[in-house]
């Protein structure tokens, strides 16, 4: 029996990247897409509270049934599992995102929020992102690698509790794939200030990611800069076990007093 594959994204059900991903996955199983009705970039793992969520059935794309939800990427996953999928899917793929999710961007990413939600539901999950924000972005260079990664995940699955954050360089043919860690960094100049016609200030999110370890050769930023695809294994469980040991010792010393 072919595997059942759930597909979602954060750029909306109309984004070209969603359909390029479906093109690949239809080869491997029965695909059902549940994606946001409108763009939801930067929503991370947000869920809609005190909001009526609605599912809209759209025309099929090839053999893939397509649905939209008036909510966040995680809403799409949660509601898709509860009310759309005929059974628990064997795999969940999110993307292909229009824009990077490397480094600490995973913290904000709706693409990876959906993948992490799938991971927490016990579903092997992968998020794909192309380092190009345009809706006219050319995905062609990365498609053979996306197919290869999807095939490896479907054939071998992933360790429980882990999902994969895959980023793809834009406008070049990738030189290969590297499994690595996320670069440490921060966002600079995050907001631009403008004045409206009445002279009142307003702010627009912008900024750039600053890599704090540009010389480290084991990070996603390093390998993406060298035209390689990066794969970063990620966990929903963010517990720092070394810190647990340290903080526990602090409280143990208090009890000794």
C-alpha atoms as a PDB file:
ATOM      1  CA  UNK A   1       0.000   0.000   0.000  1.00  0.00           C
ATOM      2  CA  UNK A   2       1.343   3.417  -0.925  1.00  0.00           C
ATOM      3  CA  UNK A   3       2.194   5.701   2.000  1.00  0.00           C
ATOM      4  CA  UNK A   4      -0.172   8.507   2.865  1.00  0.00           C
ATOM      5  CA  UNK A   5       1.615  11.868   2.681  1.00  0.00           C
ATOM      6  CA  UNK A   6       0.369  15.153   4.107  1.00  0.00           C
ATOM      7  CA  UNK A   7       1.678  18.402   2.590  1.00  0.00           C
ATOM      8  CA  UNK A   8       1.369  21.923   3.981  1.00  0.00           C
ATOM      9  CA  UNK A   9       3.220  25.254   3.943  1.00  0.00           C
ATOM     10  CA  UNK A  10       3.080  28.803   5.282  1.00  0.00           C
ATOM     11  CA  UNK A  11       3.032  30.774   2.016  1.00  0.00           C
ATOM     12  CA  UNK A  12      -0.620  29.832   1.345  1.00  0.00           C
ATOM     13  CA  UNK A  13      -2.416  27.303  -0.785  1.00  0.00           C
ATOM     14  CA  UNK A  14      -1.692  29.477  -3.838  1.00  0.00           C
ATOM     15  CA  UNK A  15       2.107  29.468  -3.492  1.00  0.00           C
ATOM     16  CA  UNK A  16       4.048  27.828  -6.361  1.00  0.00           C
ATOM     17  CA  UNK A  17       6.431  26.125  -3.918  1.00  0.00           C
ATOM     18  CA  UNK A  18       3.589  24.020  -2.532  1.00  0.00           C
ATOM     19  CA  UNK A  19       2.852  22.556  -5.949  1.00  0.00           C
ATOM     20  CA  UNK A  20       6.512  21.932  -6.797  1.00  0.00           C
ATOM     21  CA  UNK A  21       6.687  19.837  -3.623  1.00  0.00           C
ATOM     22  CA  UNK A  22       3.511  17.980  -4.530  1.00  0.00           C
ATOM     23  CA  UNK A  23       4.993  17.269  -7.989  1.00  0.00           C
ATOM     24  CA  UNK A  24       7.815  15.378  -6.278  1.00  0.00           C
ATOM     25  CA  UNK A  25       5.780  13.575  -3.638  1.00  0.00           C
ATOM     26  CA  UNK A  26       3.051  12.227  -5.927  1.00  0.00           C
ATOM     27  CA  UNK A  27       5.639   9.731  -7.147  1.00  0.00           C
ATOM     28  CA  UNK A  28       5.991   8.226  -3.685  1.00  0.00           C
ATOM     29  CA  UNK A  29       2.473   7.939  -2.327  1.00  0.00           C
ATOM     30  CA  UNK A  30      -1.036   9.281  -1.957  1.00  0.00           C
ATOM     31  CA  UNK A  31      -0.768  13.011  -1.266  1.00  0.00           C
ATOM     32  CA  UNK A  32      -3.267  15.303   0.449  1.00  0.00           C
ATOM     33  CA  UNK A  33      -2.475  19.007   0.823  1.00  0.00           C
ATOM     34  CA  UNK A  34      -3.879  21.133   3.638  1.00  0.00           C
ATOM     35  CA  UNK A  35      -2.493  24.677   3.466  1.00  0.00           C
ATOM     36  CA  UNK A  36      -3.369  28.153   4.754  1.00  0.00           C
ATOM     37  CA  UNK A  37      -5.868  30.156   2.746  1.00  0.00           C
ATOM     38  CA  UNK A  38      -3.616  33.215   3.044  1.00  0.00           C
ATOM     39  CA  UNK A  39       0.132  33.754   3.588  1.00  0.00           C
ATOM     40  CA  UNK A  40       1.182  32.922   7.144  1.00  0.00           C
ATOM     41  CA  UNK A  41       4.938  33.488   7.144  1.00  0.00           C
ATOM     42  CA  UNK A  42       6.482  34.093  10.546  1.00  0.00           C
ATOM     43  CA  UNK A  43       3.664  32.381  12.434  1.00  0.00           C
ATOM     44  CA  UNK A  44       5.984  29.788  13.982  1.00  0.00           C
ATOM     45  CA  UNK A  45       3.860  27.300  15.980  1.00  0.00           C
ATOM     46  CA  UNK A  46       0.955  29.694  16.506  1.00  0.00           C
ATOM     47  CA  UNK A  47      -2.554  28.263  16.753  1.00  0.00           C
ATOM     48  CA  UNK A  48      -5.869  30.073  16.381  1.00  0.00           C
ATOM     49  CA  UNK A  49      -7.720  30.521  19.665  1.00  0.00           C
ATOM     50  CA  UNK A  50     -11.346  31.714  19.902  1.00  0.00           C
ATOM     51  CA  UNK A  51     -11.527  31.664  16.108  1.00  0.00           C
ATOM     52  CA  UNK A  52     -13.819  29.518  13.968  1.00  0.00           C
ATOM     53  CA  UNK A  53     -11.675  27.498  11.576  1.00  0.00           C
ATOM     54  CA  UNK A  54     -13.118  26.411   8.249  1.00  0.00           C
ATOM     55  CA  UNK A  55     -11.934  23.882   5.698  1.00  0.00           C
ATOM     56  CA  UNK A  56     -12.411  24.670   2.032  1.00  0.00           C
ATOM     57  CA  UNK A  57     -12.097  21.944  -0.614  1.00  0.00           C
ATOM     58  CA  UNK A  58     -10.285  23.140  -3.745  1.00  0.00           C
ATOM     59  CA  UNK A  59      -9.878  21.522  -7.174  1.00  0.00           C
ATOM     60  CA  UNK A  60      -7.592  18.512  -7.224  1.00  0.00           C
ATOM     61  CA  UNK A  61      -4.022  18.994  -8.398  1.00  0.00           C
ATOM     62  CA  UNK A  62      -3.304  15.873 -10.433  1.00  0.00           C
ATOM     63  CA  UNK A  63      -4.000  13.001  -8.053  1.00  0.00           C
ATOM     64  CA  UNK A  64      -3.680  15.250  -5.001  1.00  0.00           C
ATOM     65  CA  UNK A  65      -6.678  16.483  -3.064  1.00  0.00           C
ATOM     66  CA  UNK A  66      -6.198  20.094  -1.971  1.00  0.00           C
ATOM     67  CA  UNK A  67      -7.768  21.880   1.006  1.00  0.00           C
ATOM     68  CA  UNK A  68      -7.333  25.321   2.517  1.00  0.00           C
ATOM     69  CA  UNK A  69      -7.821  26.405   6.131  1.00  0.00           C
ATOM     70  CA  UNK A  70      -8.371  29.970   7.344  1.00  0.00           C
ATOM     71  CA  UNK A  71      -5.644  29.622   9.948  1.00  0.00           C
ATOM     72  CA  UNK A  72      -1.959  29.135  10.635  1.00  0.00           C
ATOM     73  CA  UNK A  73       0.299  26.343   9.341  1.00  0.00           C
ATOM     74  CA  UNK A  74      -0.056  24.503  12.657  1.00  0.00           C
ATOM     75  CA  UNK A  75      -3.834  24.918  12.442  1.00  0.00           C
ATOM     76  CA  UNK A  76      -3.611  23.223   9.046  1.00  0.00           C
ATOM     77  CA  UNK A  77      -1.709  20.283  10.494  1.00  0.00           C
ATOM     78  CA  UNK A  78      -3.875  19.882  13.593  1.00  0.00           C
ATOM     79  CA  UNK A  79      -7.188  20.327  11.802  1.00  0.00           C
ATOM     80  CA  UNK A  80      -5.972  18.316   8.827  1.00  0.00           C
ATOM     81  CA  UNK A  81      -5.192  15.375  11.107  1.00  0.00           C
ATOM     82  CA  UNK A  82      -8.515  15.720  12.901  1.00  0.00           C
ATOM     83  CA  UNK A  83     -10.903  16.327  10.011  1.00  0.00           C
ATOM     84  CA  UNK A  84      -9.288  15.819   6.591  1.00  0.00           C
ATOM     85  CA  UNK A  85      -6.847  12.917   6.572  1.00  0.00           C
ATOM     86  CA  UNK A  86      -8.521   9.499   6.330  1.00  0.00           C
ATOM     87  CA  UNK A  87      -5.950   8.157   8.788  1.00  0.00           C
ATOM     88  CA  UNK A  88      -2.731   9.259  10.438  1.00  0.00           C
ATOM     89  CA  UNK A  89      -0.347  10.088   7.565  1.00  0.00           C
ATOM     90  CA  UNK A  90       2.896   8.193   7.207  1.00  0.00           C
ATOM     91  CA  UNK A  91       4.833  11.382   6.428  1.00  0.00           C
ATOM     92  CA  UNK A  92       4.421  15.142   6.573  1.00  0.00           C
ATOM     93  CA  UNK A  93       6.267  17.548   4.290  1.00  0.00           C
ATOM     94  CA  UNK A  94       6.110  21.336   4.618  1.00  0.00           C
ATOM     95  CA  UNK A  95       7.103  23.858   1.918  1.00  0.00           C
ATOM     96  CA  UNK A  96       8.713  24.499  -0.378  1.00  0.00           C
ATOM     97  CA  UNK A  97       9.022  27.814   1.449  1.00  0.00           C
ATOM     98  CA  UNK A  98       9.771  30.978  -0.498  1.00  0.00           C
ATOM     99  CA  UNK A  99      12.652  32.231   1.660  1.00  0.00           C
ATOM    100  CA  UNK A 100      15.350  30.988   4.028  1.00  0.00           C
ATOM    101  CA  UNK A 101      14.732  29.210   7.312  1.00  0.00           C
ATOM    102  CA  UNK A 102      18.382  28.714   8.237  1.00  0.00           C
ATOM    103  CA  UNK A 103      20.036  29.544  11.541  1.00  0.00           C
ATOM    104  CA  UNK A 104      17.706  30.751  14.269  1.00  0.00           C
ATOM    105  CA  UNK A 105      14.985  31.551  11.717  1.00  0.00           C
ATOM    106  CA  UNK A 106      13.441  28.199  12.634  1.00  0.00           C
ATOM    107  CA  UNK A 107      12.167  29.971  15.766  1.00  0.00           C
ATOM    108  CA  UNK A 108       9.871  32.149  13.649  1.00  0.00           C
ATOM    109  CA  UNK A 109       9.182  29.862  10.705  1.00  0.00           C
ATOM    110  CA  UNK A 110       5.632  28.778   9.950  1.00  0.00           C
ATOM    111  CA  UNK A 111       7.091  26.198   7.574  1.00  0.00           C
ATOM    112  CA  UNK A 112       9.056  24.588  10.380  1.00  0.00           C
ATOM    113  CA  UNK A 113       6.272  25.161  12.897  1.00  0.00           C
ATOM    114  CA  UNK A 114       4.168  22.811  10.773  1.00  0.00           C
ATOM    115  CA  UNK A 115       7.003  20.280  10.545  1.00  0.00           C
ATOM    116  CA  UNK A 116       7.555  20.386  14.298  1.00  0.00           C
ATOM    117  CA  UNK A 117       3.817  19.856  14.855  1.00  0.00           C
ATOM    118  CA  UNK A 118       3.955  16.772  12.646  1.00  0.00           C
ATOM    119  CA  UNK A 119       6.969  15.594  14.590  1.00  0.00           C
ATOM    120  CA  UNK A 120       5.119  15.995  17.898  1.00  0.00           C
ATOM    121  CA  UNK A 121       2.265  13.937  16.446  1.00  0.00           C
ATOM    122  CA  UNK A 122       4.717  11.110  15.792  1.00  0.00           C
ATOM    123  CA  UNK A 123       4.870  11.653  12.027  1.00  0.00           C
ATOM    124  CA  UNK A 124       8.248  11.758  10.232  1.00  0.00           C
ATOM    125  CA  UNK A 125       8.330  15.375   9.053  1.00  0.00           C
ATOM    126  CA  UNK A 126      10.499  17.577   6.837  1.00  0.00           C
ATOM    127  CA  UNK A 127      10.429  21.291   6.034  1.00  0.00           C
ATOM    128  CA  UNK A 128      11.906  22.533   2.733  1.00  0.00           C
ATOM    129  CA  UNK A 129      12.916  26.155   2.063  1.00  0.00           C
ATOM    130  CA  UNK A 130      14.474  27.905  -0.922  1.00  0.00           C
ATOM    131  CA  UNK A 131      16.622  30.969  -0.272  1.00  0.00           C
ATOM    132  CA  UNK A 132      14.533  33.152  -2.569  1.00  0.00           C
ATOM    133  CA  UNK A 133      11.470  35.083  -1.416  1.00  0.00           C
ATOM    134  CA  UNK A 134       9.923  35.788  -4.813  1.00  0.00           C
ATOM    135  CA  UNK A 135       6.793  33.902  -5.810  1.00  0.00           C
ATOM    136  CA  UNK A 136       8.461  33.678  -9.230  1.00  0.00           C
ATOM    137  CA  UNK A 137      11.485  31.880  -7.773  1.00  0.00           C
ATOM    138  CA  UNK A 138      13.069  29.141  -9.882  1.00  0.00           C
ATOM    139  CA  UNK A 139      12.942  25.843  -7.984  1.00  0.00           C
ATOM    140  CA  UNK A 140      14.366  23.733 -10.812  1.00  0.00           C
ATOM    141  CA  UNK A 141      17.988  23.517  -9.623  1.00  0.00           C
ATOM    142  CA  UNK A 142      16.990  22.084  -6.256  1.00  0.00           C
ATOM    143  CA  UNK A 143      14.240  19.702  -7.356  1.00  0.00           C
ATOM    144  CA  UNK A 144      16.447  16.607  -7.939  1.00  0.00           C
ATOM    145  CA  UNK A 145      17.855  17.027  -4.420  1.00  0.00           C
ATOM    146  CA  UNK A 146      14.404  17.498  -2.905  1.00  0.00           C
ATOM    147  CA  UNK A 147      13.329  14.284  -4.564  1.00  0.00           C
ATOM    148  CA  UNK A 148      16.431  12.490  -3.249  1.00  0.00           C
ATOM    149  CA  UNK A 149      15.897  13.728   0.309  1.00  0.00           C
ATOM    150  CA  UNK A 150      12.197  12.822   0.234  1.00  0.00           C
ATOM    151  CA  UNK A 151      13.056   9.354  -1.070  1.00  0.00           C
ATOM    152  CA  UNK A 152      15.603   8.776   1.703  1.00  0.00           C
ATOM    153  CA  UNK A 153      13.127   9.893   4.368  1.00  0.00           C
ATOM    154  CA  UNK A 154      10.342   7.692   2.978  1.00  0.00           C
ATOM    155  CA  UNK A 155      12.617   4.680   2.590  1.00  0.00           C
ATOM    156  CA  UNK A 156      14.422   5.022   5.919  1.00  0.00           C
ATOM    157  CA  UNK A 157      12.116   7.186   8.045  1.00  0.00           C
ATOM    158  CA  UNK A 158      13.533   9.467  10.761  1.00  0.00           C
ATOM    159  CA  UNK A 159      14.362   8.873  14.398  1.00  0.00           C
ATOM    160  CA  UNK A 160      11.230   9.575  16.501  1.00  0.00           C
ATOM    161  CA  UNK A 161      11.165  13.086  17.909  1.00  0.00           C
ATOM    162  CA  UNK A 162      13.292  14.514  15.081  1.00  0.00           C
ATOM    163  CA  UNK A 163      12.267  16.543  12.045  1.00  0.00           C
ATOM    164  CA  UNK A 164      14.493  17.902   9.288  1.00  0.00           C
ATOM    165  CA  UNK A 165      14.997  21.556   8.376  1.00  0.00           C
ATOM    166  CA  UNK A 166      16.210  21.590   4.757  1.00  0.00           C
ATOM    167  CA  UNK A 167      17.422  24.810   3.116  1.00  0.00           C
ATOM    168  CA  UNK A 168      18.337  25.120  -0.554  1.00  0.00           C
ATOM    169  CA  UNK A 169      20.554  27.812  -2.123  1.00  0.00           C
ATOM    170  CA  UNK A 170      18.881  29.842  -4.863  1.00  0.00           C
ATOM    171  CA  UNK A 171      19.851  30.539  -8.470  1.00  0.00           C
ATOM    172  CA  UNK A 172      22.611  27.904  -8.517  1.00  0.00           C
ATOM    173  CA  UNK A 173      22.841  24.172  -8.995  1.00  0.00           C
ATOM    174  CA  UNK A 174      23.645  22.852  -5.499  1.00  0.00           C
ATOM    175  CA  UNK A 175      27.043  21.197  -5.162  1.00  0.00           C
ATOM    176  CA  UNK A 176      25.671  18.589  -2.770  1.00  0.00           C
ATOM    177  CA  UNK A 177      24.036  18.080   0.613  1.00  0.00           C
ATOM    178  CA  UNK A 178      25.500  18.598   4.080  1.00  0.00           C
ATOM    179  CA  UNK A 179      23.981  17.554   7.414  1.00  0.00           C
ATOM    180  CA  UNK A 180      24.973  20.198   9.940  1.00  0.00           C
ATOM    181  CA  UNK A 181      23.853  22.391  12.826  1.00  0.00           C
ATOM    182  CA  UNK A 182      22.033  25.715  12.781  1.00  0.00           C
ATOM    183  CA  UNK A 183      24.257  28.781  12.840  1.00  0.00           C
ATOM    184  CA  UNK A 184      24.134  31.031  15.883  1.00  0.00           C
ATOM    185  CA  UNK A 185      23.081  34.552  15.021  1.00  0.00           C
ATOM    186  CA  UNK A 186      20.706  37.433  15.535  1.00  0.00           C
ATOM    187  CA  UNK A 187      18.576  39.832  13.524  1.00  0.00           C
ATOM    188  CA  UNK A 188      19.795  43.372  12.935  1.00  0.00           C
ATOM    189  CA  UNK A 189      17.918  46.520  11.935  1.00  0.00           C
ATOM    190  CA  UNK A 190      14.649  44.651  12.301  1.00  0.00           C
ATOM    191  CA  UNK A 191      12.210  47.546  11.727  1.00  0.00           C
ATOM    192  CA  UNK A 192      12.126  50.420   9.268  1.00  0.00           C
ATOM    193  CA  UNK A 193      10.337  53.589  10.361  1.00  0.00           C
ATOM    194  CA  UNK A 194       7.978  55.431   8.021  1.00  0.00           C
ATOM    195  CA  UNK A 195       5.433  58.236   8.231  1.00  0.00           C
ATOM    196  CA  UNK A 196       1.848  57.886   7.056  1.00  0.00           C
ATOM    197  CA  UNK A 197       0.125  60.713   5.079  1.00  0.00           C
ATOM    198  CA  UNK A 198      -0.888  62.365   8.362  1.00  0.00           C
ATOM    199  CA  UNK A 199       2.679  62.353   9.667  1.00  0.00           C
ATOM    200  CA  UNK A 200       2.201  59.530  12.187  1.00  0.00           C
ATOM    201  CA  UNK A 201       5.045  57.000  12.410  1.00  0.00           C
ATOM    202  CA  UNK A 202       4.597  53.332  11.625  1.00  0.00           C
ATOM    203  CA  UNK A 203       7.065  50.458  11.424  1.00  0.00           C
ATOM    204  CA  UNK A 204       7.653  47.693   8.889  1.00  0.00           C
ATOM    205  CA  UNK A 205       9.434  44.449   9.700  1.00  0.00           C
ATOM    206  CA  UNK A 206      12.652  44.093   7.731  1.00  0.00           C
ATOM    207  CA  UNK A 207      16.223  43.453   8.878  1.00  0.00           C
ATOM    208  CA  UNK A 208      18.849  40.874   8.092  1.00  0.00           C
ATOM    209  CA  UNK A 209      20.279  37.805   9.765  1.00  0.00           C
ATOM    210  CA  UNK A 210      23.772  38.303  11.211  1.00  0.00           C
ATOM    211  CA  UNK A 211      25.811  35.102  11.448  1.00  0.00           C
ATOM    212  CA  UNK A 212      27.781  35.280  14.704  1.00  0.00           C
ATOM    213  CA  UNK A 213      30.153  32.487  13.694  1.00  0.00           C
ATOM    214  CA  UNK A 214      30.965  33.058  10.010  1.00  0.00           C
ATOM    215  CA  UNK A 215      34.141  30.976  10.139  1.00  0.00           C
ATOM    216  CA  UNK A 216      32.508  27.870  11.629  1.00  0.00           C
ATOM    217  CA  UNK A 217      32.418  25.218   8.907  1.00  0.00           C
ATOM    218  CA  UNK A 218      29.773  22.992  10.496  1.00  0.00           C
ATOM    219  CA  UNK A 219      26.729  25.291  10.217  1.00  0.00           C
ATOM    220  CA  UNK A 220      23.915  25.645   7.732  1.00  0.00           C
ATOM    221  CA  UNK A 221      24.888  29.250   6.950  1.00  0.00           C
ATOM    222  CA  UNK A 222      28.414  28.150   6.042  1.00  0.00           C
ATOM    223  CA  UNK A 223      27.326  25.387   3.685  1.00  0.00           C
ATOM    224  CA  UNK A 224      24.532  27.420   2.106  1.00  0.00           C
ATOM    225  CA  UNK A 225      27.082  30.144   1.430  1.00  0.00           C
ATOM    226  CA  UNK A 226      29.187  27.544  -0.349  1.00  0.00           C
ATOM    227  CA  UNK A 227      26.217  26.484  -2.519  1.00  0.00           C
ATOM    228  CA  UNK A 228      25.357  23.272  -0.674  1.00  0.00           C
ATOM    229  CA  UNK A 229      21.934  22.204   0.587  1.00  0.00           C
ATOM    230  CA  UNK A 230      21.827  22.126   4.398  1.00  0.00           C
ATOM    231  CA  UNK A 231      19.928  19.617   6.523  1.00  0.00           C
ATOM    232  CA  UNK A 232      19.544  20.436  10.213  1.00  0.00           C
ATOM    233  CA  UNK A 233      17.848  17.833  12.445  1.00  0.00           C
ATOM    234  CA  UNK A 234      15.552  19.625  14.910  1.00  0.00           C
ATOM    235  CA  UNK A 235      13.498  18.745  17.987  1.00  0.00           C
ATOM    236  CA  UNK A 236      10.278  20.128  19.380  1.00  0.00           C
ATOM    237  CA  UNK A 237      11.654  19.297  22.840  1.00  0.00           C
ATOM    238  CA  UNK A 238      13.993  22.208  23.570  1.00  0.00           C
ATOM    239  CA  UNK A 239      15.196  20.952  26.954  1.00  0.00           C
ATOM    240  CA  UNK A 240      18.900  21.639  27.521  1.00  0.00           C
ATOM    241  CA  UNK A 241      20.028  18.581  29.477  1.00  0.00           C
ATOM    242  CA  UNK A 242      23.399  20.093  30.411  1.00  0.00           C
ATOM    243  CA  UNK A 243      21.601  23.100  31.862  1.00  0.00           C
ATOM    244  CA  UNK A 244      19.288  20.758  33.794  1.00  0.00           C
ATOM    245  CA  UNK A 245      22.370  19.283  35.514  1.00  0.00           C
ATOM    246  CA  UNK A 246      23.736  22.733  36.327  1.00  0.00           C
ATOM    247  CA  UNK A 247      20.470  24.175  37.666  1.00  0.00           C
ATOM    248  CA  UNK A 248      19.831  20.985  39.648  1.00  0.00           C
ATOM    249  CA  UNK A 249      23.212  21.433  41.371  1.00  0.00           C
ATOM    250  CA  UNK A 250      22.209  24.986  42.350  1.00  0.00           C
ATOM    251  CA  UNK A 251      19.101  23.711  44.073  1.00  0.00           C
ATOM    252  CA  UNK A 252      20.934  20.768  45.612  1.00  0.00           C
ATOM    253  CA  UNK A 253      23.420  23.215  47.186  1.00  0.00           C
ATOM    254  CA  UNK A 254      20.503  25.225  48.606  1.00  0.00           C
ATOM    255  CA  UNK A 255      19.152  22.107  50.316  1.00  0.00           C
ATOM    256  CA  UNK A 256      22.559  21.407  51.840  1.00  0.00           C
ATOM    257  CA  UNK A 257      22.435  24.835  53.539  1.00  0.00           C
END
